[in-house]
Amino acid sequence: MSTRSRALFTLGALLAGVATVNAAEAHYTIDPTHTYPSFEADHFGVSMWRGKMDHSSGTVTLDRDAHSGTVNIAIELGSIDFGLAALNTWAVGTEFFNTAQYPQATYVGRFTRFNGNVPTQVDGELTLHGVTRPVSLTINSFACKPHPMLKREWCGADASATFQRDQFGLTAGKDYGFKMDVTLRIQVEGVKDEK
């Protein structure tokens, strides 16, 4: 075999290896009708406010064999729902989210822990109210199965995290003794993209 032939064979083998590695990485599009980030936040130390965001979007990549993958989520803050219209209106105004200036919160991260082939943690950055800080998500449950109608792989998870909202400039109620810790829970489903 000539030197040129050996070089072409080696290059072909390398490219085939890369294709094999990349073939294990699956891409999923978040299903916005089954994905609802929700939160819990203190109210004067006497009760807990709970609400959710009705509109979110994003993508996930996952390679179970390589124990790697990425998460990229956008949450429309104007879709906040406390179950109380007056509180929703206040939350999107200038005293809190100020959605005219900061319409979205985003989370970008990587899977960093696995139990076997099941992801259990994401480390990433949350951008909220114009501030970006590290936030880790614990994946409490994760499962995949064939979607009964779409006939493609369908995965879902329940993830949670706790962060201090004043670190993002959301200090409303702090002077009245409100606790600043917020518990975030994300119910998420996604369907594997078609090739």
N, C-alpha and C. Protein backbone atom coordinates (compact mmCIF):
# COMPACT_ATOMS: atom_id res chain seq x y z
N MET A 1 0.86 -1.18 0.00
CA MET A 1 0.00 0.00 0.00
C MET A 1 0.90 1.23 0.00
N SER A 2 0.59 2.17 -0.89
CA SER A 2 1.41 3.38 -0.99
C SER A 2 1.20 4.26 0.23
N THR A 3 2.14 5.22 0.40
CA THR A 3 2.02 6.15 1.52
C THR A 3 0.73 6.95 1.42
N ARG A 4 0.40 7.37 0.19
CA ARG A 4 -0.84 8.15 0.00
C ARG A 4 -2.07 7.30 0.34
N SER A 5 -2.06 6.05 -0.08
CA SER A 5 -3.20 5.15 0.21
C SER A 5 -3.36 4.92 1.70
N ARG A 6 -2.19 4.71 2.39
CA ARG A 6 -2.25 4.51 3.84
C ARG A 6 -2.82 5.74 4.54
N ALA A 7 -2.39 6.95 4.06
CA ALA A 7 -2.87 8.20 4.66
C ALA A 7 -4.37 8.35 4.47
N LEU A 8 -4.84 8.03 3.24
CA LEU A 8 -6.29 8.13 2.98
C LEU A 8 -7.07 7.12 3.80
N PHE A 9 -6.51 5.90 3.94
CA PHE A 9 -7.17 4.88 4.76
C PHE A 9 -7.26 5.32 6.22
N THR A 10 -6.15 5.87 6.73
CA THR A 10 -6.12 6.35 8.12
C THR A 10 -7.12 7.48 8.33
N LEU A 11 -7.16 8.43 7.38
CA LEU A 11 -8.11 9.54 7.48
C LEU A 11 -9.54 9.02 7.46
N GLY A 12 -9.81 8.06 6.57
CA GLY A 12 -11.15 7.48 6.50
C GLY A 12 -11.54 6.79 7.80
N ALA A 13 -10.59 6.07 8.38
CA ALA A 13 -10.86 5.39 9.65
C ALA A 13 -11.14 6.39 10.76
N LEU A 14 -10.37 7.49 10.78
CA LEU A 14 -10.60 8.52 11.80
C LEU A 14 -11.97 9.14 11.65
N LEU A 15 -12.34 9.48 10.42
CA LEU A 15 -13.66 10.08 10.19
C LEU A 15 -14.78 9.12 10.55
N ALA A 16 -14.60 7.86 10.25
CA ALA A 16 -15.61 6.85 10.63
C ALA A 16 -15.72 6.77 12.13
N GLY A 17 -14.59 6.84 12.83
CA GLY A 17 -14.61 6.82 14.30
C GLY A 17 -15.34 8.00 14.87
N VAL A 18 -15.10 9.19 14.28
CA VAL A 18 -15.80 10.40 14.74
C VAL A 18 -17.30 10.26 14.50
N ALA A 19 -17.68 9.74 13.34
CA ALA A 19 -19.11 9.55 13.04
C ALA A 19 -19.74 8.60 14.03
N THR A 20 -19.00 7.53 14.39
CA THR A 20 -19.54 6.56 15.36
C THR A 20 -19.73 7.20 16.71
N VAL A 21 -18.75 8.01 17.14
CA VAL A 21 -18.86 8.69 18.43
C VAL A 21 -20.04 9.65 18.44
N ASN A 22 -20.15 10.46 17.37
CA ASN A 22 -21.23 11.45 17.31
C ASN A 22 -22.60 10.81 17.19
N ALA A 23 -22.63 9.59 16.61
CA ALA A 23 -23.93 8.93 16.42
C ALA A 23 -24.58 8.61 17.76
N ALA A 24 -23.77 8.48 18.82
CA ALA A 24 -24.32 8.15 20.14
C ALA A 24 -24.97 9.36 20.79
N GLU A 25 -24.65 10.56 20.31
CA GLU A 25 -25.21 11.76 20.91
C GLU A 25 -26.60 12.02 20.32
N ALA A 26 -27.59 12.07 21.19
CA ALA A 26 -28.97 12.30 20.76
C ALA A 26 -29.35 13.75 21.04
N HIS A 27 -30.18 14.30 20.17
CA HIS A 27 -30.65 15.68 20.30
C HIS A 27 -32.15 15.68 20.54
N TYR A 28 -32.58 16.47 21.51
CA TYR A 28 -33.99 16.53 21.88
C TYR A 28 -34.45 17.98 21.87
N THR A 29 -35.68 18.19 21.43
CA THR A 29 -36.31 19.50 21.50
C THR A 29 -37.33 19.49 22.63
N ILE A 30 -37.24 20.48 23.49
CA ILE A 30 -38.15 20.57 24.63
C ILE A 30 -39.58 20.72 24.15
N ASP A 31 -40.47 19.98 24.77
CA ASP A 31 -41.91 20.07 24.47
C ASP A 31 -42.51 21.16 25.36
N PRO A 32 -42.85 22.32 24.80
CA PRO A 32 -43.34 23.43 25.62
C PRO A 32 -44.69 23.17 26.27
N THR A 33 -45.43 22.20 25.76
CA THR A 33 -46.74 21.91 26.35
C THR A 33 -46.64 20.95 27.52
N HIS A 34 -45.42 20.43 27.78
CA HIS A 34 -45.22 19.53 28.90
C HIS A 34 -44.01 19.92 29.74
N THR A 35 -43.61 21.18 29.64
CA THR A 35 -42.45 21.68 30.38
C THR A 35 -42.87 22.93 31.14
N TYR A 36 -42.84 22.86 32.47
CA TYR A 36 -43.30 23.97 33.30
C TYR A 36 -42.37 24.20 34.48
N PRO A 37 -41.42 25.14 34.33
CA PRO A 37 -40.63 25.50 35.50
C PRO A 37 -41.54 26.11 36.57
N SER A 38 -41.36 25.68 37.80
CA SER A 38 -42.14 26.24 38.90
C SER A 38 -41.19 26.64 40.02
N PHE A 39 -41.70 27.40 40.98
CA PHE A 39 -40.82 27.92 42.02
C PHE A 39 -41.59 28.07 43.33
N GLU A 40 -40.82 28.14 44.41
CA GLU A 40 -41.35 28.41 45.74
C GLU A 40 -40.51 29.52 46.35
N ALA A 41 -41.18 30.51 46.95
CA ALA A 41 -40.46 31.63 47.56
C ALA A 41 -41.20 32.09 48.82
N ASP A 42 -40.42 32.52 49.78
CA ASP A 42 -40.95 32.92 51.08
C ASP A 42 -41.83 34.18 50.99
N HIS A 43 -42.87 34.22 51.83
CA HIS A 43 -43.71 35.42 51.96
C HIS A 43 -43.79 35.80 53.44
N PHE A 44 -42.95 36.78 53.82
CA PHE A 44 -42.92 37.31 55.20
C PHE A 44 -42.55 36.25 56.25
N GLY A 45 -42.07 35.11 55.84
CA GLY A 45 -41.74 34.07 56.80
C GLY A 45 -42.95 33.36 57.37
N VAL A 46 -44.14 33.64 56.81
CA VAL A 46 -45.36 33.00 57.35
C VAL A 46 -46.01 32.05 56.36
N SER A 47 -45.65 32.15 55.08
CA SER A 47 -46.22 31.23 54.10
C SER A 47 -45.26 31.13 52.92
N MET A 48 -45.59 30.26 51.99
CA MET A 48 -44.75 30.02 50.82
C MET A 48 -45.53 30.37 49.57
N TRP A 49 -44.98 31.29 48.75
CA TRP A 49 -45.58 31.58 47.46
C TRP A 49 -45.13 30.53 46.46
N ARG A 50 -46.06 30.08 45.65
CA ARG A 50 -45.73 29.14 44.59
C ARG A 50 -46.29 29.63 43.27
N GLY A 51 -45.57 29.39 42.22
CA GLY A 51 -46.03 29.79 40.89
C GLY A 51 -45.28 29.00 39.83
N LYS A 52 -45.62 29.26 38.59
CA LYS A 52 -44.96 28.58 37.48
C LYS A 52 -44.86 29.50 36.28
N MET A 53 -44.03 29.10 35.35
CA MET A 53 -43.90 29.80 34.08
C MET A 53 -44.57 28.96 33.00
N ASP A 54 -45.45 29.56 32.24
CA ASP A 54 -46.25 28.81 31.27
C ASP A 54 -45.58 28.61 29.92
N HIS A 55 -44.50 29.38 29.62
CA HIS A 55 -43.88 29.28 28.30
C HIS A 55 -42.37 29.16 28.42
N SER A 56 -41.86 28.06 27.88
CA SER A 56 -40.42 27.84 27.86
C SER A 56 -40.07 27.06 26.60
N SER A 57 -38.78 27.08 26.24
CA SER A 57 -38.33 26.36 25.05
C SER A 57 -36.87 25.97 25.26
N GLY A 58 -36.36 25.13 24.39
CA GLY A 58 -34.95 24.79 24.52
C GLY A 58 -34.61 23.46 23.88
N THR A 59 -33.35 23.08 24.08
CA THR A 59 -32.83 21.85 23.51
C THR A 59 -31.94 21.14 24.54
N VAL A 60 -31.82 19.83 24.35
CA VAL A 60 -30.95 19.01 25.19
C VAL A 60 -30.19 18.07 24.26
N THR A 61 -28.89 17.89 24.52
CA THR A 61 -28.14 16.82 23.88
C THR A 61 -27.71 15.86 24.97
N LEU A 62 -27.64 14.58 24.61
CA LEU A 62 -27.28 13.59 25.62
C LEU A 62 -26.58 12.41 24.96
N ASP A 63 -25.41 12.08 25.50
CA ASP A 63 -24.69 10.88 25.10
C ASP A 63 -24.54 10.03 26.36
N ARG A 64 -25.41 9.03 26.50
CA ARG A 64 -25.40 8.22 27.72
C ARG A 64 -24.10 7.42 27.88
N ASP A 65 -23.55 6.92 26.77
CA ASP A 65 -22.34 6.11 26.86
C ASP A 65 -21.13 6.96 27.27
N ALA A 66 -21.04 8.16 26.75
CA ALA A 66 -19.91 9.04 27.06
C ALA A 66 -20.13 9.85 28.33
N HIS A 67 -21.34 9.72 28.92
CA HIS A 67 -21.68 10.49 30.12
C HIS A 67 -21.46 11.99 29.90
N SER A 68 -22.11 12.48 28.84
CA SER A 68 -21.97 13.90 28.52
C SER A 68 -23.26 14.41 27.91
N GLY A 69 -23.37 15.70 27.81
CA GLY A 69 -24.54 16.32 27.19
C GLY A 69 -24.70 17.76 27.64
N THR A 70 -25.63 18.44 27.00
CA THR A 70 -25.84 19.86 27.26
C THR A 70 -27.32 20.16 27.44
N VAL A 71 -27.59 21.25 28.13
CA VAL A 71 -28.95 21.74 28.36
C VAL A 71 -28.97 23.22 28.01
N ASN A 72 -29.96 23.63 27.25
CA ASN A 72 -30.10 25.04 26.87
C ASN A 72 -31.58 25.40 26.92
N ILE A 73 -31.98 26.15 27.93
CA ILE A 73 -33.40 26.43 28.17
C ILE A 73 -33.65 27.94 28.23
N ALA A 74 -34.74 28.39 27.63
CA ALA A 74 -35.18 29.78 27.73
C ALA A 74 -36.57 29.80 28.34
N ILE A 75 -36.77 30.66 29.34
CA ILE A 75 -38.05 30.78 30.04
C ILE A 75 -38.60 32.18 29.83
N GLU A 76 -39.82 32.27 29.35
CA GLU A 76 -40.47 33.57 29.14
C GLU A 76 -41.03 34.06 30.47
N LEU A 77 -40.40 35.09 31.03
CA LEU A 77 -40.80 35.56 32.36
C LEU A 77 -42.18 36.20 32.37
N GLY A 78 -42.63 36.71 31.24
CA GLY A 78 -43.96 37.29 31.15
C GLY A 78 -45.07 36.28 31.29
N SER A 79 -44.71 34.98 31.26
CA SER A 79 -45.73 33.94 31.39
C SER A 79 -45.89 33.47 32.83
N ILE A 80 -45.36 34.23 33.79
CA ILE A 80 -45.45 33.84 35.20
C ILE A 80 -46.90 33.75 35.64
N ASP A 81 -47.20 32.74 36.45
CA ASP A 81 -48.57 32.55 36.91
C ASP A 81 -48.55 32.12 38.38
N PHE A 82 -48.92 33.07 39.26
CA PHE A 82 -49.07 32.77 40.68
C PHE A 82 -50.47 32.26 41.00
N GLY A 83 -51.36 32.33 40.01
CA GLY A 83 -52.77 32.05 40.28
C GLY A 83 -53.49 33.29 40.79
N LEU A 84 -52.84 34.47 40.72
CA LEU A 84 -53.42 35.73 41.16
C LEU A 84 -53.01 36.80 40.16
N ALA A 85 -53.97 37.31 39.41
CA ALA A 85 -53.68 38.24 38.31
C ALA A 85 -52.91 39.48 38.78
N ALA A 86 -53.30 40.03 39.92
CA ALA A 86 -52.63 41.26 40.40
C ALA A 86 -51.16 41.00 40.70
N LEU A 87 -50.85 39.84 41.26
CA LEU A 87 -49.46 39.50 41.57
C LEU A 87 -48.67 39.22 40.29
N ASN A 88 -49.31 38.60 39.31
CA ASN A 88 -48.65 38.38 38.02
C ASN A 88 -48.26 39.71 37.38
N THR A 89 -49.18 40.68 37.41
CA THR A 89 -48.92 42.00 36.82
C THR A 89 -47.77 42.70 37.54
N TRP A 90 -47.75 42.60 38.88
CA TRP A 90 -46.67 43.21 39.64
C TRP A 90 -45.33 42.56 39.31
N ALA A 91 -45.31 41.23 39.19
CA ALA A 91 -44.06 40.49 38.98
C ALA A 91 -43.39 40.84 37.66
N VAL A 92 -44.14 41.14 36.64
CA VAL A 92 -43.53 41.45 35.34
C VAL A 92 -43.15 42.93 35.24
N GLY A 93 -43.56 43.74 36.21
CA GLY A 93 -43.28 45.18 36.19
C GLY A 93 -41.87 45.53 36.65
N THR A 94 -41.62 46.83 36.74
CA THR A 94 -40.27 47.32 37.03
C THR A 94 -39.81 47.02 38.46
N GLU A 95 -40.72 46.69 39.38
CA GLU A 95 -40.32 46.40 40.75
C GLU A 95 -39.77 44.99 40.92
N PHE A 96 -39.96 44.16 39.88
CA PHE A 96 -39.44 42.80 40.01
C PHE A 96 -38.74 42.35 38.72
N PHE A 97 -39.36 41.53 37.88
CA PHE A 97 -38.66 41.01 36.71
C PHE A 97 -38.34 42.08 35.66
N ASN A 98 -39.19 43.10 35.54
CA ASN A 98 -39.01 44.13 34.52
C ASN A 98 -38.86 43.48 33.14
N THR A 99 -39.91 42.78 32.73
CA THR A 99 -39.84 42.00 31.50
C THR A 99 -39.71 42.86 30.24
N ALA A 100 -40.02 44.15 30.34
CA ALA A 100 -39.80 45.02 29.19
C ALA A 100 -38.31 45.07 28.85
N GLN A 101 -37.47 44.98 29.86
CA GLN A 101 -36.02 45.02 29.65
C GLN A 101 -35.40 43.62 29.67
N TYR A 102 -35.95 42.73 30.50
CA TYR A 102 -35.40 41.38 30.64
C TYR A 102 -36.51 40.36 30.43
N PRO A 103 -36.88 40.10 29.17
CA PRO A 103 -38.05 39.24 28.92
C PRO A 103 -37.82 37.75 29.21
N GLN A 104 -36.57 37.32 29.21
CA GLN A 104 -36.31 35.89 29.38
C GLN A 104 -35.33 35.63 30.51
N ALA A 105 -35.45 34.43 31.07
CA ALA A 105 -34.39 33.84 31.88
C ALA A 105 -33.84 32.69 31.05
N THR A 106 -32.53 32.46 31.10
CA THR A 106 -31.94 31.36 30.36
C THR A 106 -31.07 30.51 31.28
N TYR A 107 -31.01 29.24 30.94
CA TYR A 107 -30.13 28.33 31.67
C TYR A 107 -29.35 27.51 30.66
N VAL A 108 -28.03 27.56 30.77
CA VAL A 108 -27.13 26.82 29.88
C VAL A 108 -26.21 25.98 30.74
N GLY A 109 -26.20 24.67 30.53
CA GLY A 109 -25.38 23.82 31.38
C GLY A 109 -24.96 22.54 30.70
N ARG A 110 -24.20 21.73 31.48
CA ARG A 110 -23.71 20.44 31.01
C ARG A 110 -24.02 19.37 32.06
N PHE A 111 -24.36 18.17 31.59
CA PHE A 111 -24.52 17.05 32.50
C PHE A 111 -23.15 16.71 33.09
N THR A 112 -23.06 16.66 34.41
CA THR A 112 -21.77 16.43 35.06
C THR A 112 -21.75 15.19 35.95
N ARG A 113 -22.90 14.63 36.26
CA ARG A 113 -22.93 13.40 37.07
C ARG A 113 -23.95 12.45 36.48
N PHE A 114 -23.60 11.15 36.57
CA PHE A 114 -24.47 10.10 36.06
C PHE A 114 -24.51 8.96 37.08
N ASN A 115 -25.62 8.27 37.11
CA ASN A 115 -25.74 7.01 37.85
C ASN A 115 -25.95 5.94 36.79
N GLY A 116 -24.88 5.22 36.45
CA GLY A 116 -24.94 4.36 35.28
C GLY A 116 -25.04 5.26 34.06
N ASN A 117 -26.10 5.04 33.25
CA ASN A 117 -26.32 5.88 32.07
C ASN A 117 -27.39 6.94 32.29
N VAL A 118 -27.78 7.15 33.54
CA VAL A 118 -28.84 8.12 33.86
C VAL A 118 -28.21 9.40 34.41
N PRO A 119 -28.46 10.55 33.77
CA PRO A 119 -27.91 11.80 34.29
C PRO A 119 -28.55 12.18 35.62
N THR A 120 -27.73 12.68 36.56
CA THR A 120 -28.23 13.05 37.88
C THR A 120 -27.92 14.50 38.26
N GLN A 121 -27.08 15.19 37.50
CA GLN A 121 -26.76 16.58 37.84
C GLN A 121 -26.37 17.35 36.59
N VAL A 122 -26.77 18.62 36.58
CA VAL A 122 -26.36 19.57 35.55
C VAL A 122 -25.69 20.74 36.24
N ASP A 123 -24.52 21.12 35.78
CA ASP A 123 -23.86 22.33 36.25
C ASP A 123 -23.90 23.36 35.14
N GLY A 124 -24.37 24.56 35.47
CA GLY A 124 -24.49 25.56 34.43
C GLY A 124 -24.64 26.95 34.98
N GLU A 125 -25.13 27.83 34.13
CA GLU A 125 -25.30 29.23 34.49
C GLU A 125 -26.72 29.69 34.21
N LEU A 126 -27.31 30.32 35.21
CA LEU A 126 -28.63 30.93 35.08
C LEU A 126 -28.45 32.41 34.84
N THR A 127 -29.10 32.92 33.80
CA THR A 127 -29.13 34.37 33.54
C THR A 127 -30.54 34.86 33.82
N LEU A 128 -30.65 35.77 34.77
CA LEU A 128 -31.93 36.28 35.24
C LEU A 128 -31.78 37.74 35.59
N HIS A 129 -32.68 38.57 35.07
CA HIS A 129 -32.66 40.01 35.39
C HIS A 129 -31.32 40.64 35.02
N GLY A 130 -30.72 40.14 33.92
CA GLY A 130 -29.47 40.69 33.43
C GLY A 130 -28.23 40.23 34.17
N VAL A 131 -28.37 39.29 35.09
CA VAL A 131 -27.24 38.80 35.89
C VAL A 131 -27.06 37.30 35.61
N THR A 132 -25.81 36.89 35.45
CA THR A 132 -25.50 35.48 35.20
C THR A 132 -24.70 34.92 36.36
N ARG A 133 -25.19 33.80 36.92
CA ARG A 133 -24.50 33.16 38.05
C ARG A 133 -24.59 31.64 37.91
N PRO A 134 -23.61 30.93 38.49
CA PRO A 134 -23.66 29.47 38.43
C PRO A 134 -24.80 28.90 39.26
N VAL A 135 -25.49 27.93 38.71
CA VAL A 135 -26.56 27.21 39.42
C VAL A 135 -26.47 25.75 38.99
N SER A 136 -26.50 24.84 39.95
CA SER A 136 -26.50 23.41 39.65
C SER A 136 -27.90 22.84 39.84
N LEU A 137 -28.30 22.01 38.91
CA LEU A 137 -29.60 21.33 38.98
C LEU A 137 -29.40 19.88 39.39
N THR A 138 -30.17 19.43 40.36
CA THR A 138 -30.21 18.02 40.72
C THR A 138 -31.35 17.36 39.95
N ILE A 139 -31.03 16.29 39.23
CA ILE A 139 -32.06 15.58 38.48
C ILE A 139 -32.63 14.49 39.38
N ASN A 140 -33.84 14.70 39.85
CA ASN A 140 -34.48 13.79 40.81
C ASN A 140 -35.03 12.54 40.15
N SER A 141 -35.46 12.66 38.90
CA SER A 141 -35.94 11.50 38.15
C SER A 141 -35.69 11.74 36.67
N PHE A 142 -35.45 10.66 35.95
CA PHE A 142 -35.18 10.76 34.51
C PHE A 142 -35.59 9.44 33.88
N ALA A 143 -36.32 9.52 32.76
CA ALA A 143 -36.77 8.30 32.08
C ALA A 143 -36.98 8.58 30.60
N CYS A 144 -36.75 7.57 29.79
CA CYS A 144 -37.00 7.66 28.34
C CYS A 144 -37.79 6.43 27.90
N LYS A 145 -38.63 6.63 26.89
CA LYS A 145 -39.39 5.52 26.30
C LYS A 145 -39.86 5.95 24.92
N PRO A 146 -40.32 5.04 24.10
CA PRO A 146 -40.86 5.43 22.79
C PRO A 146 -42.15 6.23 22.95
N HIS A 147 -42.25 7.34 22.22
CA HIS A 147 -43.48 8.13 22.26
C HIS A 147 -44.57 7.35 21.53
N PRO A 148 -45.74 7.15 22.15
CA PRO A 148 -46.75 6.28 21.54
C PRO A 148 -47.33 6.80 20.24
N MET A 149 -47.28 8.13 20.02
CA MET A 149 -47.85 8.68 18.78
C MET A 149 -46.77 9.10 17.79
N LEU A 150 -45.69 9.71 18.29
CA LEU A 150 -44.65 10.21 17.39
C LEU A 150 -43.67 9.13 16.95
N LYS A 151 -43.66 7.99 17.69
CA LYS A 151 -42.78 6.85 17.36
C LYS A 151 -41.31 7.25 17.38
N ARG A 152 -40.97 8.15 18.27
CA ARG A 152 -39.58 8.55 18.50
C ARG A 152 -39.30 8.49 19.99
N GLU A 153 -38.03 8.48 20.35
CA GLU A 153 -37.69 8.45 21.76
C GLU A 153 -38.18 9.72 22.45
N TRP A 154 -38.66 9.54 23.66
CA TRP A 154 -39.31 10.60 24.41
C TRP A 154 -38.77 10.52 25.84
N CYS A 155 -38.20 11.62 26.32
CA CYS A 155 -37.57 11.61 27.64
C CYS A 155 -38.20 12.68 28.53
N GLY A 156 -38.16 12.43 29.80
CA GLY A 156 -38.68 13.40 30.76
C GLY A 156 -37.86 13.38 32.03
N ALA A 157 -37.91 14.50 32.73
CA ALA A 157 -37.15 14.60 33.97
C ALA A 157 -37.82 15.57 34.93
N ASP A 158 -37.47 15.39 36.19
CA ASP A 158 -37.83 16.37 37.22
C ASP A 158 -36.52 16.83 37.84
N ALA A 159 -36.26 18.13 37.77
CA ALA A 159 -35.00 18.67 38.28
C ALA A 159 -35.30 19.79 39.27
N SER A 160 -34.35 20.05 40.16
CA SER A 160 -34.56 21.10 41.16
C SER A 160 -33.25 21.79 41.50
N ALA A 161 -33.38 23.01 42.01
CA ALA A 161 -32.22 23.79 42.45
C ALA A 161 -32.71 24.85 43.43
N THR A 162 -31.80 25.35 44.23
CA THR A 162 -32.10 26.46 45.12
C THR A 162 -31.08 27.56 44.88
N PHE A 163 -31.55 28.80 44.79
CA PHE A 163 -30.64 29.93 44.60
C PHE A 163 -31.16 31.13 45.38
N GLN A 164 -30.29 32.12 45.57
CA GLN A 164 -30.63 33.35 46.28
C GLN A 164 -31.04 34.41 45.26
N ARG A 165 -32.30 34.84 45.30
CA ARG A 165 -32.78 35.76 44.28
C ARG A 165 -32.15 37.15 44.37
N ASP A 166 -31.71 37.55 45.56
CA ASP A 166 -31.08 38.87 45.66
C ASP A 166 -29.74 38.91 44.92
N GLN A 167 -29.13 37.75 44.67
CA GLN A 167 -27.90 37.72 43.89
C GLN A 167 -28.14 38.07 42.43
N PHE A 168 -29.41 38.05 42.04
CA PHE A 168 -29.79 38.43 40.68
C PHE A 168 -30.46 39.81 40.65
N GLY A 169 -30.37 40.53 41.75
CA GLY A 169 -30.96 41.87 41.80
C GLY A 169 -32.44 41.88 42.09
N LEU A 170 -33.01 40.74 42.46
CA LEU A 170 -34.44 40.65 42.77
C LEU A 170 -34.61 40.71 44.29
N THR A 171 -34.62 41.92 44.81
CA THR A 171 -34.57 42.12 46.27
C THR A 171 -35.91 42.50 46.88
N ALA A 172 -36.98 42.48 46.11
CA ALA A 172 -38.29 42.89 46.64
C ALA A 172 -38.62 42.13 47.91
N GLY A 173 -39.00 42.86 48.97
CA GLY A 173 -39.39 42.25 50.23
C GLY A 173 -38.24 41.98 51.19
N LYS A 174 -37.02 42.17 50.74
CA LYS A 174 -35.86 41.86 51.61
C LYS A 174 -35.87 42.73 52.86
N ASP A 175 -36.22 44.01 52.71
CA ASP A 175 -36.25 44.92 53.86
C ASP A 175 -37.36 44.57 54.85
N TYR A 176 -38.33 43.79 54.40
CA TYR A 176 -39.42 43.35 55.29
C TYR A 176 -39.14 42.00 55.92
N GLY A 177 -37.98 41.44 55.64
CA GLY A 177 -37.62 40.16 56.22
C GLY A 177 -37.91 38.94 55.36
N PHE A 178 -38.29 39.15 54.11
CA PHE A 178 -38.49 38.01 53.22
C PHE A 178 -37.18 37.25 53.07
N LYS A 179 -37.23 35.94 53.13
CA LYS A 179 -36.05 35.12 52.83
C LYS A 179 -35.80 35.17 51.33
N MET A 180 -34.54 35.21 50.95
CA MET A 180 -34.19 35.38 49.55
C MET A 180 -34.01 34.06 48.79
N ASP A 181 -34.04 32.92 49.50
CA ASP A 181 -33.84 31.66 48.79
C ASP A 181 -35.10 31.27 48.02
N VAL A 182 -34.89 30.80 46.81
CA VAL A 182 -35.96 30.35 45.93
C VAL A 182 -35.66 28.92 45.52
N THR A 183 -36.66 28.07 45.62
CA THR A 183 -36.53 26.70 45.13
C THR A 183 -37.15 26.62 43.74
N LEU A 184 -36.35 26.19 42.79
CA LEU A 184 -36.80 26.05 41.41
C LEU A 184 -36.98 24.58 41.10
N ARG A 185 -38.11 24.25 40.51
CA ARG A 185 -38.36 22.88 40.06
C ARG A 185 -38.70 22.94 38.58
N ILE A 186 -38.15 22.01 37.82
CA ILE A 186 -38.40 22.00 36.38
C ILE A 186 -38.94 20.64 35.99
N GLN A 187 -40.17 20.64 35.57
CA GLN A 187 -40.80 19.46 34.96
C GLN A 187 -40.57 19.60 33.47
N VAL A 188 -39.83 18.68 32.87
CA VAL A 188 -39.45 18.84 31.46
C VAL A 188 -39.65 17.54 30.69
N GLU A 189 -40.12 17.68 29.47
CA GLU A 189 -40.21 16.56 28.53
C GLU A 189 -39.66 17.01 27.19
N GLY A 190 -39.04 16.07 26.48
CA GLY A 190 -38.51 16.38 25.16
C GLY A 190 -38.58 15.16 24.26
N VAL A 191 -38.69 15.41 22.97
CA VAL A 191 -38.77 14.34 21.98
C VAL A 191 -37.51 14.37 21.13
N LYS A 192 -36.96 13.22 20.88
CA LYS A 192 -35.73 13.13 20.10
C LYS A 192 -35.97 13.67 18.69
N ASP A 193 -35.02 14.51 18.24
CA ASP A 193 -35.15 15.10 16.90
C ASP A 193 -35.02 14.03 15.84
N GLU A 194 -35.73 14.21 14.74
CA GLU A 194 -35.59 13.30 13.60
C GLU A 194 -34.27 13.57 12.92
N LYS A 195 -33.65 12.53 12.39
CA LYS A 195 -32.37 12.70 11.70
C LYS A 195 -32.57 13.43 10.39
